[in-house]
Amino acid sequence: MDVLREVAVRVATRAAEHVRRRRPEVFGCEPIEGDGAVQSKSTPTDPVTIVDTETESVLRDLLARLRPQDAILGEEEGSENDSLDGARWVLDPIDGTVNFMYGIPAYAVSVAVQIDGVSVAGAVVDVARELVYSAALGRGATVERADGTQEQLHCSGVTDVSMTLLATGFGYGSGRRAVQGAIISELLPQVRDIRRIGSAALDLCMVASGVVDAHFEHGLSPWDWAAGGLIAAEAGATVRLPAADSTSAQGAVTVAAAPGVSNAFLAVLRSAGALDPIPG
């Protein structure tokens, strides 16, 4: 597992360097749409940039050299093999593309390796802050800063759900967003406050580091949670993930919560109907 973790950190860090360098070259001080640098995917508000596709190529090229025998699932290029058997690398070249476009410093490169559908090692690089989160199954989770210092990750010690700082995110389709908005209206009076960062991978790492106390979101794809979910779990969070072969359209929920509030938080989500899928 340690070797796989080292590979995840190496390739994610290299890809993050590419993202960091390319943003001012492509966008300067503001997002540019309509010139070929940005295209739409599932809806007009769901963008993919030229840097997303470039960065996935960087990741794939590195993995082809370091782990040529393993399968790859990437957000932009998909997978040539839908089987969950054996080792599969799950890649999100830029998680938080809208933030990346607008220059909001909350976007990440996420790299995980799964064996038979279970994440066993992964890394998430907070590109703007130059933080490298990583974990291996049964080995704990750490964050490494730009100065080389490293710290073991632990969830917050919150024990009262009413004091829970909650991170969440929303889908791109208006139908799913309407349901999510109704759920948020029920949750907001029951928690300390809600944050919408714009990157699920970073939300999960913030649960791991105690920056927020819990995260939930519907309709994440495997590349959104494969690394961050493992990092949160290895930091002590109670984590509930979609199936490894799930799709965003199925709308399954992802949950991570500090252990002191996990049972109460899940009960609050259940009461609000937030544990049910929101297809879209």
C-alpha atoms as a PDB file:
ATOM      1  CA  MET A   1       0.000   0.000   0.000  1.00  0.00           C
ATOM      2  CA  ASP A   2       2.822   2.399   0.781  1.00  0.00           C
ATOM      3  CA  VAL A   3       4.245   2.026  -2.729  1.00  0.00           C
ATOM      4  CA  LEU A   4       0.846   2.760  -4.258  1.00  0.00           C
ATOM      5  CA  ARG A   5       0.488   5.794  -2.012  1.00  0.00           C
ATOM      6  CA  GLU A   6       3.863   7.079  -3.171  1.00  0.00           C
ATOM      7  CA  VAL A   7       2.818   6.676  -6.800  1.00  0.00           C
ATOM      8  CA  ALA A   8      -0.453   8.522  -6.145  1.00  0.00           C
ATOM      9  CA  VAL A   9       1.396  11.407  -4.488  1.00  0.00           C
ATOM     10  CA  ARG A  10       4.001  11.559  -7.231  1.00  0.00           C
ATOM     11  CA  VAL A  11       1.598  11.702 -10.156  1.00  0.00           C
ATOM     12  CA  ALA A  12      -0.899  14.019  -8.427  1.00  0.00           C
ATOM     13  CA  THR A  13       1.858  16.442  -7.462  1.00  0.00           C
ATOM     14  CA  ARG A  14       3.237  16.502 -10.992  1.00  0.00           C
ATOM     15  CA  ALA A  15      -0.234  17.099 -12.436  1.00  0.00           C
ATOM     16  CA  ALA A  16      -0.879  19.896  -9.922  1.00  0.00           C
ATOM     17  CA  GLU A  17       2.275  21.636 -11.105  1.00  0.00           C
ATOM     18  CA  HIS A  18       0.860  21.577 -14.630  1.00  0.00           C
ATOM     19  CA  VAL A  19      -2.486  23.005 -13.473  1.00  0.00           C
ATOM     20  CA  ARG A  20      -0.741  25.738 -11.457  1.00  0.00           C
ATOM     21  CA  ARG A  21       1.391  26.784 -14.409  1.00  0.00           C
ATOM     22  CA  ARG A  22      -1.341  26.677 -17.028  1.00  0.00           C
ATOM     23  CA  ARG A  23      -4.052  28.696 -15.311  1.00  0.00           C
ATOM     24  CA  PRO A  24      -2.524  32.163 -15.888  1.00  0.00           C
ATOM     25  CA  GLU A  25      -1.503  31.119 -19.400  1.00  0.00           C
ATOM     26  CA  VAL A  26      -5.043  30.120 -20.381  1.00  0.00           C
ATOM     27  CA  PHE A  27      -7.282  32.403 -18.330  1.00  0.00           C
ATOM     28  CA  GLY A  28      -5.216  35.302 -17.043  1.00  0.00           C
ATOM     29  CA  CYS A  29      -7.363  37.188 -14.546  1.00  0.00           C
ATOM     30  CA  GLU A  30     -10.808  36.050 -15.675  1.00  0.00           C
ATOM     31  CA  PRO A  31     -12.552  33.035 -17.227  1.00  0.00           C
ATOM     32  CA  ILE A  32     -12.711  32.892 -21.007  1.00  0.00           C
ATOM     33  CA  GLU A  33     -15.632  31.068 -22.595  1.00  0.00           C
ATOM     34  CA  GLY A  34     -16.393  30.551 -26.254  1.00  0.00           C
ATOM     35  CA  ASP A  35     -12.837  30.484 -27.606  1.00  0.00           C
ATOM     36  CA  GLY A  36     -12.264  26.728 -27.387  1.00  0.00           C
ATOM     37  CA  ALA A  37     -10.602  26.844 -23.973  1.00  0.00           C
ATOM     38  CA  VAL A  38     -13.892  25.903 -22.279  1.00  0.00           C
ATOM     39  CA  GLN A  39     -16.616  23.517 -23.388  1.00  0.00           C
ATOM     40  CA  SER A  40     -19.801  22.234 -21.741  1.00  0.00           C
ATOM     41  CA  LYS A  41     -20.514  18.664 -20.651  1.00  0.00           C
ATOM     42  CA  SER A  42     -23.765  17.575 -18.983  1.00  0.00           C
ATOM     43  CA  THR A  43     -25.296  21.102 -18.905  1.00  0.00           C
ATOM     44  CA  PRO A  44     -24.171  24.588 -19.977  1.00  0.00           C
ATOM     45  CA  THR A  45     -23.048  25.189 -16.365  1.00  0.00           C
ATOM     46  CA  ASP A  46     -20.888  22.017 -16.286  1.00  0.00           C
ATOM     47  CA  PRO A  47     -17.599  23.066 -17.906  1.00  0.00           C
ATOM     48  CA  VAL A  48     -14.467  21.265 -18.993  1.00  0.00           C
ATOM     49  CA  THR A  49     -11.385  23.278 -19.900  1.00  0.00           C
ATOM     50  CA  ILE A  50      -8.417  22.548 -22.077  1.00  0.00           C
ATOM     51  CA  VAL A  51      -6.371  22.301 -18.875  1.00  0.00           C
ATOM     52  CA  ASP A  52      -8.631  19.504 -17.559  1.00  0.00           C
ATOM     53  CA  THR A  53      -7.921  17.407 -20.649  1.00  0.00           C
ATOM     54  CA  GLU A  54      -4.213  18.278 -20.688  1.00  0.00           C
ATOM     55  CA  THR A  55      -3.858  17.354 -17.031  1.00  0.00           C
ATOM     56  CA  GLU A  56      -5.576  14.015 -17.442  1.00  0.00           C
ATOM     57  CA  SER A  57      -3.094  13.261 -20.239  1.00  0.00           C
ATOM     58  CA  VAL A  58      -0.247  14.134 -17.859  1.00  0.00           C
ATOM     59  CA  LEU A  59      -1.654  11.725 -15.274  1.00  0.00           C
ATOM     60  CA  ARG A  60      -2.225   8.935 -17.783  1.00  0.00           C
ATOM     61  CA  ASP A  61       1.261   9.282 -19.289  1.00  0.00           C
ATOM     62  CA  LEU A  62       2.904   9.086 -15.863  1.00  0.00           C
ATOM     63  CA  LEU A  63       0.840   6.070 -14.818  1.00  0.00           C
ATOM     64  CA  ALA A  64       1.581   4.338 -18.133  1.00  0.00           C
ATOM     65  CA  ARG A  65       5.258   4.493 -17.192  1.00  0.00           C
ATOM     66  CA  LEU A  66       4.925   3.730 -13.497  1.00  0.00           C
ATOM     67  CA  ARG A  67       1.996   1.246 -13.487  1.00  0.00           C
ATOM     68  CA  PRO A  68       1.549   0.002 -17.059  1.00  0.00           C
ATOM     69  CA  GLN A  69      -0.360  -3.102 -15.985  1.00  0.00           C
ATOM     70  CA  ASP A  70      -3.148  -1.209 -14.199  1.00  0.00           C
ATOM     71  CA  ALA A  71      -6.471   0.046 -15.561  1.00  0.00           C
ATOM     72  CA  ILE A  72      -7.403   3.736 -15.515  1.00  0.00           C
ATOM     73  CA  LEU A  73     -10.716   5.547 -15.091  1.00  0.00           C
ATOM     74  CA  GLY A  74     -10.518   9.289 -15.724  1.00  0.00           C
ATOM     75  CA  GLU A  75     -13.189  11.970 -15.616  1.00  0.00           C
ATOM     76  CA  GLU A  76     -12.448  13.246 -19.107  1.00  0.00           C
ATOM     77  CA  GLU A  77     -11.435  10.107 -21.030  1.00  0.00           C
ATOM     78  CA  GLY A  78     -13.385   7.456 -19.156  1.00  0.00           C
ATOM     79  CA  SER A  79     -12.123   3.871 -19.117  1.00  0.00           C
ATOM     80  CA  GLU A  80     -11.487   1.203 -21.709  1.00  0.00           C
ATOM     81  CA  ASN A  81     -12.448  -1.491 -19.222  1.00  0.00           C
ATOM     82  CA  ASP A  82     -15.534  -1.332 -16.977  1.00  0.00           C
ATOM     83  CA  SER A  83     -14.411  -4.257 -14.811  1.00  0.00           C
ATOM     84  CA  LEU A  84     -13.683  -3.562 -11.145  1.00  0.00           C
ATOM     85  CA  ASP A  85     -11.366  -6.551 -10.889  1.00  0.00           C
ATOM     86  CA  GLY A  86      -7.730  -5.876 -10.075  1.00  0.00           C
ATOM     87  CA  ALA A  87      -6.088  -2.456  -9.765  1.00  0.00           C
ATOM     88  CA  ARG A  88      -7.731   0.639 -11.234  1.00  0.00           C
ATOM     89  CA  TRP A  89      -6.525   4.238 -10.987  1.00  0.00           C
ATOM     90  CA  VAL A  90      -9.324   6.787 -10.636  1.00  0.00           C
ATOM     91  CA  LEU A  91      -8.411  10.287 -11.801  1.00  0.00           C
ATOM     92  CA  ASP A  92      -9.916  13.730 -11.479  1.00  0.00           C
ATOM     93  CA  PRO A  93      -7.540  16.135 -13.226  1.00  0.00           C
ATOM     94  CA  ILE A  94      -9.261  19.230 -11.818  1.00  0.00           C
ATOM     95  CA  ASP A  95     -11.937  18.861  -9.164  1.00  0.00           C
ATOM     96  CA  GLY A  96     -13.491  22.304  -8.895  1.00  0.00           C
ATOM     97  CA  THR A  97     -13.231  23.380 -12.530  1.00  0.00           C
ATOM     98  CA  VAL A  98     -15.559  26.365 -12.094  1.00  0.00           C
ATOM     99  CA  ASN A  99     -13.365  27.652  -9.248  1.00  0.00           C
ATOM    100  CA  PHE A 100     -10.322  27.077 -11.447  1.00  0.00           C
ATOM    101  CA  MET A 101     -11.849  29.088 -14.291  1.00  0.00           C
ATOM    102  CA  TYR A 102     -12.783  32.015 -12.061  1.00  0.00           C
ATOM    103  CA  GLY A 103      -9.562  32.049 -10.079  1.00  0.00           C
ATOM    104  CA  ILE A 104     -11.209  30.989  -6.811  1.00  0.00           C
ATOM    105  CA  PRO A 105      -8.398  29.168  -4.958  1.00  0.00           C
ATOM    106  CA  ALA A 106     -10.254  25.918  -4.229  1.00  0.00           C
ATOM    107  CA  TYR A 107      -9.533  23.263  -6.856  1.00  0.00           C
ATOM    108  CA  ALA A 108      -7.634  20.022  -6.686  1.00  0.00           C
ATOM    109  CA  VAL A 109      -6.049  17.098  -8.495  1.00  0.00           C
ATOM    110  CA  SER A 110      -7.354  13.784  -7.171  1.00  0.00           C
ATOM    111  CA  VAL A 111      -5.685  10.410  -7.773  1.00  0.00           C
ATOM    112  CA  ALA A 112      -6.710   7.103  -6.178  1.00  0.00           C
ATOM    113  CA  VAL A 113      -6.046   3.465  -6.815  1.00  0.00           C
ATOM    114  CA  GLN A 114      -8.738   0.904  -6.164  1.00  0.00           C
ATOM    115  CA  ILE A 115      -8.328  -2.842  -5.911  1.00  0.00           C
ATOM    116  CA  ASP A 116     -11.484  -4.785  -6.717  1.00  0.00           C
ATOM    117  CA  GLY A 117     -13.455  -1.547  -6.350  1.00  0.00           C
ATOM    118  CA  VAL A 118     -12.053  -0.493  -2.963  1.00  0.00           C
ATOM    119  CA  SER A 119      -9.769   2.539  -2.620  1.00  0.00           C
ATOM    120  CA  VAL A 120      -6.470   1.463  -1.081  1.00  0.00           C
ATOM    121  CA  ALA A 121      -4.307   4.541  -1.680  1.00  0.00           C
ATOM    122  CA  GLY A 122      -4.851   8.066  -2.854  1.00  0.00           C
ATOM    123  CA  ALA A 123      -3.712  11.666  -2.954  1.00  0.00           C
ATOM    124  CA  VAL A 124      -5.513  14.980  -3.300  1.00  0.00           C
ATOM    125  CA  VAL A 125      -3.461  18.083  -4.062  1.00  0.00           C
ATOM    126  CA  ASP A 126      -4.922  21.460  -3.156  1.00  0.00           C
ATOM    127  CA  VAL A 127      -3.331  23.239  -6.107  1.00  0.00           C
ATOM    128  CA  ALA A 128      -3.566  26.855  -4.972  1.00  0.00           C
ATOM    129  CA  ARG A 129      -2.483  26.221  -1.370  1.00  0.00           C
ATOM    130  CA  GLU A 130       0.108  23.586  -2.318  1.00  0.00           C
ATOM    131  CA  LEU A 131      -1.175  21.045   0.196  1.00  0.00           C
ATOM    132  CA  VAL A 132      -0.771  17.332  -0.530  1.00  0.00           C
ATOM    133  CA  TYR A 133      -3.258  15.112   1.290  1.00  0.00           C
ATOM    134  CA  SER A 134      -2.669  11.370   1.082  1.00  0.00           C
ATOM    135  CA  ALA A 135      -3.640   8.072   2.651  1.00  0.00           C
ATOM    136  CA  ALA A 136      -3.242   4.332   2.350  1.00  0.00           C
ATOM    137  CA  LEU A 137      -5.707   1.777   3.635  1.00  0.00           C
ATOM    138  CA  GLY A 138      -4.892   1.008   7.274  1.00  0.00           C
ATOM    139  CA  ARG A 139      -1.957   3.448   7.330  1.00  0.00           C
ATOM    140  CA  GLY A 140      -3.663   6.702   8.310  1.00  0.00           C
ATOM    141  CA  ALA A 141      -3.788  10.000   6.441  1.00  0.00           C
ATOM    142  CA  THR A 142      -1.412  12.958   6.284  1.00  0.00           C
ATOM    143  CA  VAL A 143      -1.063  16.406   4.777  1.00  0.00           C
ATOM    144  CA  GLU A 144       2.248  17.736   3.489  1.00  0.00           C
ATOM    145  CA  ARG A 145       2.791  21.469   3.093  1.00  0.00           C
ATOM    146  CA  ALA A 146       4.880  23.332   0.552  1.00  0.00           C
ATOM    147  CA  ASP A 147       7.739  23.672   3.060  1.00  0.00           C
ATOM    148  CA  GLY A 148       7.934  19.883   3.389  1.00  0.00           C
ATOM    149  CA  THR A 149       6.408  19.646   6.858  1.00  0.00           C
ATOM    150  CA  GLN A 150       3.956  16.793   7.309  1.00  0.00           C
ATOM    151  CA  GLU A 151       1.108  16.318   9.752  1.00  0.00           C
ATOM    152  CA  GLN A 152      -1.094  13.368  10.641  1.00  0.00           C
ATOM    153  CA  LEU A 153      -4.744  14.077   9.892  1.00  0.00           C
ATOM    154  CA  HIS A 154      -7.522  13.736  12.463  1.00  0.00           C
ATOM    155  CA  CYS A 155     -11.168  14.724  12.304  1.00  0.00           C
ATOM    156  CA  SER A 156     -12.541  17.393  14.602  1.00  0.00           C
ATOM    157  CA  GLY A 157     -13.678  16.538  18.111  1.00  0.00           C
ATOM    158  CA  VAL A 158     -17.173  17.999  17.703  1.00  0.00           C
ATOM    159  CA  THR A 159     -19.827  16.041  19.609  1.00  0.00           C
ATOM    160  CA  ASP A 160     -22.962  18.163  19.106  1.00  0.00           C
ATOM    161  CA  VAL A 161     -24.628  18.045  15.694  1.00  0.00           C
ATOM    162  CA  SER A 162     -25.956  21.571  16.248  1.00  0.00           C
ATOM    163  CA  MET A 163     -22.326  22.754  16.287  1.00  0.00           C
ATOM    164  CA  THR A 164     -21.431  20.915  13.092  1.00  0.00           C
ATOM    165  CA  LEU A 165     -19.901  22.967  10.275  1.00  0.00           C
ATOM    166  CA  LEU A 166     -21.189  21.223   7.172  1.00  0.00           C
ATOM    167  CA  ALA A 167     -19.721  21.270   3.664  1.00  0.00           C
ATOM    168  CA  THR A 168     -21.845  20.344   0.679  1.00  0.00           C
ATOM    169  CA  GLY A 169     -22.175  20.760  -3.057  1.00  0.00           C
ATOM    170  CA  PHE A 170     -24.871  20.873  -5.716  1.00  0.00           C
ATOM    171  CA  GLY A 171     -25.499  19.179  -9.036  1.00  0.00           C
ATOM    172  CA  TYR A 172     -25.521  20.892 -12.414  1.00  0.00           C
ATOM    173  CA  GLY A 173     -29.098  20.013 -13.391  1.00  0.00           C
ATOM    174  CA  SER A 174     -31.917  22.261 -12.206  1.00  0.00           C
ATOM    175  CA  GLY A 175     -34.118  19.340 -11.111  1.00  0.00           C
ATOM    176  CA  ARG A 176     -31.512  17.924  -8.749  1.00  0.00           C
ATOM    177  CA  ARG A 177     -30.660  21.392  -7.474  1.00  0.00           C
ATOM    178  CA  ALA A 178     -34.291  22.021  -6.548  1.00  0.00           C
ATOM    179  CA  VAL A 179     -34.373  18.881  -4.377  1.00  0.00           C
ATOM    180  CA  GLN A 180     -30.986  19.719  -2.864  1.00  0.00           C
ATOM    181  CA  GLY A 181     -32.195  23.219  -2.020  1.00  0.00           C
ATOM    182  CA  ALA A 182     -35.183  21.801  -0.160  1.00  0.00           C
ATOM    183  CA  ILE A 183     -32.905  19.492   1.828  1.00  0.00           C
ATOM    184  CA  ILE A 184     -30.578  22.361   2.717  1.00  0.00           C
ATOM    185  CA  SER A 185     -33.533  24.378   4.025  1.00  0.00           C
ATOM    186  CA  GLU A 186     -34.237  21.537   6.471  1.00  0.00           C
ATOM    187  CA  LEU A 187     -30.628  21.050   7.511  1.00  0.00           C
ATOM    188  CA  LEU A 188     -29.587  24.672   7.985  1.00  0.00           C
ATOM    189  CA  PRO A 189     -31.512  25.246  11.258  1.00  0.00           C
ATOM    190  CA  GLN A 190     -30.012  22.035  12.713  1.00  0.00           C
ATOM    191  CA  VAL A 191     -26.292  22.636  12.144  1.00  0.00           C
ATOM    192  CA  ARG A 192     -23.821  25.383  12.968  1.00  0.00           C
ATOM    193  CA  ASP A 193     -23.544  26.576   9.363  1.00  0.00           C
ATOM    194  CA  ILE A 194     -23.056  25.361   5.813  1.00  0.00           C
ATOM    195  CA  ARG A 195     -20.145  25.880   3.435  1.00  0.00           C
ATOM    196  CA  ARG A 196     -20.145  25.337  -0.337  1.00  0.00           C
ATOM    197  CA  ILE A 197     -16.475  25.155  -1.342  1.00  0.00           C
ATOM    198  CA  GLY A 198     -16.945  23.818  -4.872  1.00  0.00           C
ATOM    199  CA  SER A 199     -14.663  20.765  -4.739  1.00  0.00           C
ATOM    200  CA  ALA A 200     -15.881  17.525  -3.193  1.00  0.00           C
ATOM    201  CA  ALA A 201     -12.323  16.166  -2.985  1.00  0.00           C
ATOM    202  CA  LEU A 202     -11.297  19.170  -0.894  1.00  0.00           C
ATOM    203  CA  ASP A 203     -14.478  18.949   1.206  1.00  0.00           C
ATOM    204  CA  LEU A 204     -13.561  15.379   2.137  1.00  0.00           C
ATOM    205  CA  CYS A 205      -9.981  16.379   2.960  1.00  0.00           C
ATOM    206  CA  MET A 206     -11.291  19.214   5.122  1.00  0.00           C
ATOM    207  CA  VAL A 207     -13.345  16.679   7.075  1.00  0.00           C
ATOM    208  CA  ALA A 208     -10.136  14.681   7.486  1.00  0.00           C
ATOM    209  CA  SER A 209      -8.222  17.698   8.775  1.00  0.00           C
ATOM    210  CA  GLY A 210     -10.996  19.000  11.033  1.00  0.00           C
ATOM    211  CA  VAL A 211     -11.504  22.202   9.045  1.00  0.00           C
ATOM    212  CA  VAL A 212     -15.146  21.197   8.616  1.00  0.00           C
ATOM    213  CA  ASP A 213     -17.012  18.610  10.643  1.00  0.00           C
ATOM    214  CA  ALA A 214     -19.043  16.850   7.949  1.00  0.00           C
ATOM    215  CA  HIS A 215     -19.723  16.681   4.227  1.00  0.00           C
ATOM    216  CA  PHE A 216     -22.560  15.285   2.148  1.00  0.00           C
ATOM    217  CA  GLU A 217     -23.392  15.520  -1.535  1.00  0.00           C
ATOM    218  CA  HIS A 218     -25.545  13.724  -4.102  1.00  0.00           C
ATOM    219  CA  GLY A 219     -24.450  12.614  -7.550  1.00  0.00           C
ATOM    220  CA  LEU A 220     -20.693  12.449  -7.145  1.00  0.00           C
ATOM    221  CA  SER A 221     -18.768  10.248  -9.571  1.00  0.00           C
ATOM    222  CA  PRO A 222     -16.041   7.832  -8.417  1.00  0.00           C
ATOM    223  CA  TRP A 223     -13.267  10.275  -9.334  1.00  0.00           C
ATOM    224  CA  ASP A 224     -14.799  12.846  -6.968  1.00  0.00           C
ATOM    225  CA  TRP A 225     -14.619  10.640  -3.867  1.00  0.00           C
ATOM    226  CA  ALA A 226     -12.170   7.786  -4.530  1.00  0.00           C
ATOM    227  CA  ALA A 227      -9.175   9.551  -2.953  1.00  0.00           C
ATOM    228  CA  GLY A 228     -10.907  12.006  -0.620  1.00  0.00           C
ATOM    229  CA  GLY A 229     -13.212   9.370   0.843  1.00  0.00           C
ATOM    230  CA  LEU A 230     -10.241   7.185   1.776  1.00  0.00           C
ATOM    231  CA  ILE A 231      -8.374  10.151   3.270  1.00  0.00           C
ATOM    232  CA  ALA A 232     -11.385  11.084   5.403  1.00  0.00           C
ATOM    233  CA  ALA A 233     -11.901   7.488   6.571  1.00  0.00           C
ATOM    234  CA  GLU A 234      -8.221   7.067   7.465  1.00  0.00           C
ATOM    235  CA  ALA A 235      -8.440  10.278   9.515  1.00  0.00           C
ATOM    236  CA  GLY A 236     -11.242   8.732  11.568  1.00  0.00           C
ATOM    237  CA  ALA A 237     -14.370   9.923   9.775  1.00  0.00           C
ATOM    238  CA  THR A 238     -17.462   7.814   9.353  1.00  0.00           C
ATOM    239  CA  VAL A 239     -17.756   7.571   5.573  1.00  0.00           C
ATOM    240  CA  ARG A 240     -20.604   6.401   3.363  1.00  0.00           C
ATOM    241  CA  LEU A 241     -19.753   6.130  -0.333  1.00  0.00           C
ATOM    242  CA  PRO A 242     -21.603   5.218  -3.533  1.00  0.00           C
ATOM    243  CA  ALA A 243     -20.794   1.944  -5.264  1.00  0.00           C
ATOM    244  CA  ALA A 244     -17.491   1.878  -7.128  1.00  0.00           C
ATOM    245  CA  ASP A 245     -19.322   1.515 -10.437  1.00  0.00           C
ATOM    246  CA  SER A 246     -21.866   4.246  -9.693  1.00  0.00           C
ATOM    247  CA  THR A 247     -22.570   7.167 -12.010  1.00  0.00           C
ATOM    248  CA  SER A 248     -23.451  10.759 -11.244  1.00  0.00           C
ATOM    249  CA  ALA A 249     -26.846  10.291 -12.898  1.00  0.00           C
ATOM    250  CA  GLN A 250     -27.834   7.719 -10.269  1.00  0.00           C
ATOM    251  CA  GLY A 251     -27.557  10.445  -7.632  1.00  0.00           C
ATOM    252  CA  ALA A 252     -26.303   8.375  -4.689  1.00  0.00           C
ATOM    253  CA  VAL A 253     -25.207  10.289  -1.622  1.00  0.00           C
ATOM    254  CA  THR A 254     -21.653  10.603  -0.296  1.00  0.00           C
ATOM    255  CA  VAL A 255     -21.298  11.297   3.437  1.00  0.00           C
ATOM    256  CA  ALA A 256     -18.296  11.869   5.693  1.00  0.00           C
ATOM    257  CA  ALA A 257     -18.634  12.998   9.301  1.00  0.00           C
ATOM    258  CA  ALA A 258     -16.460  13.366  12.380  1.00  0.00           C
ATOM    259  CA  PRO A 259     -16.979  10.352  14.655  1.00  0.00           C
ATOM    260  CA  GLY A 260     -18.423  12.366  17.538  1.00  0.00           C
ATOM    261  CA  VAL A 261     -21.437  13.463  15.481  1.00  0.00           C
ATOM    262  CA  SER A 262     -21.674  10.776  12.833  1.00  0.00           C
ATOM    263  CA  ASN A 263     -24.672   8.898  14.226  1.00  0.00           C
ATOM    264  CA  ALA A 264     -26.627  12.059  14.995  1.00  0.00           C
ATOM    265  CA  PHE A 265     -25.709  13.607  11.647  1.00  0.00           C
ATOM    266  CA  LEU A 266     -26.831  10.531   9.728  1.00  0.00           C
ATOM    267  CA  ALA A 267     -30.110  10.650  11.649  1.00  0.00           C
ATOM    268  CA  VAL A 268     -30.578  14.294  10.657  1.00  0.00           C
ATOM    269  CA  LEU A 269     -29.852  13.449   7.019  1.00  0.00           C
ATOM    270  CA  ARG A 270     -32.280  10.530   7.139  1.00  0.00           C
ATOM    271  CA  SER A 271     -35.025  12.720   8.586  1.00  0.00           C
ATOM    272  CA  ALA A 272     -34.494  15.249   5.770  1.00  0.00           C
ATOM    273  CA  GLY A 273     -34.578  12.518   3.118  1.00  0.00           C
ATOM    274  CA  ALA A 274     -30.968  13.245   2.292  1.00  0.00           C
ATOM    275  CA  LEU A 275     -29.801   9.622   2.369  1.00  0.00           C
ATOM    276  CA  ASP A 276     -32.015   8.777  -0.596  1.00  0.00           C
ATOM    277  CA  PRO A 277     -30.624   9.101  -4.122  1.00  0.00           C
ATOM    278  CA  ILE A 278     -31.481  12.157  -6.209  1.00  0.00           C
ATOM    279  CA  PRO A 279     -31.335  10.916  -9.817  1.00  0.00           C
ATOM    280  CA  GLY A 280     -30.651  13.474 -12.476  1.00  0.00           C
END
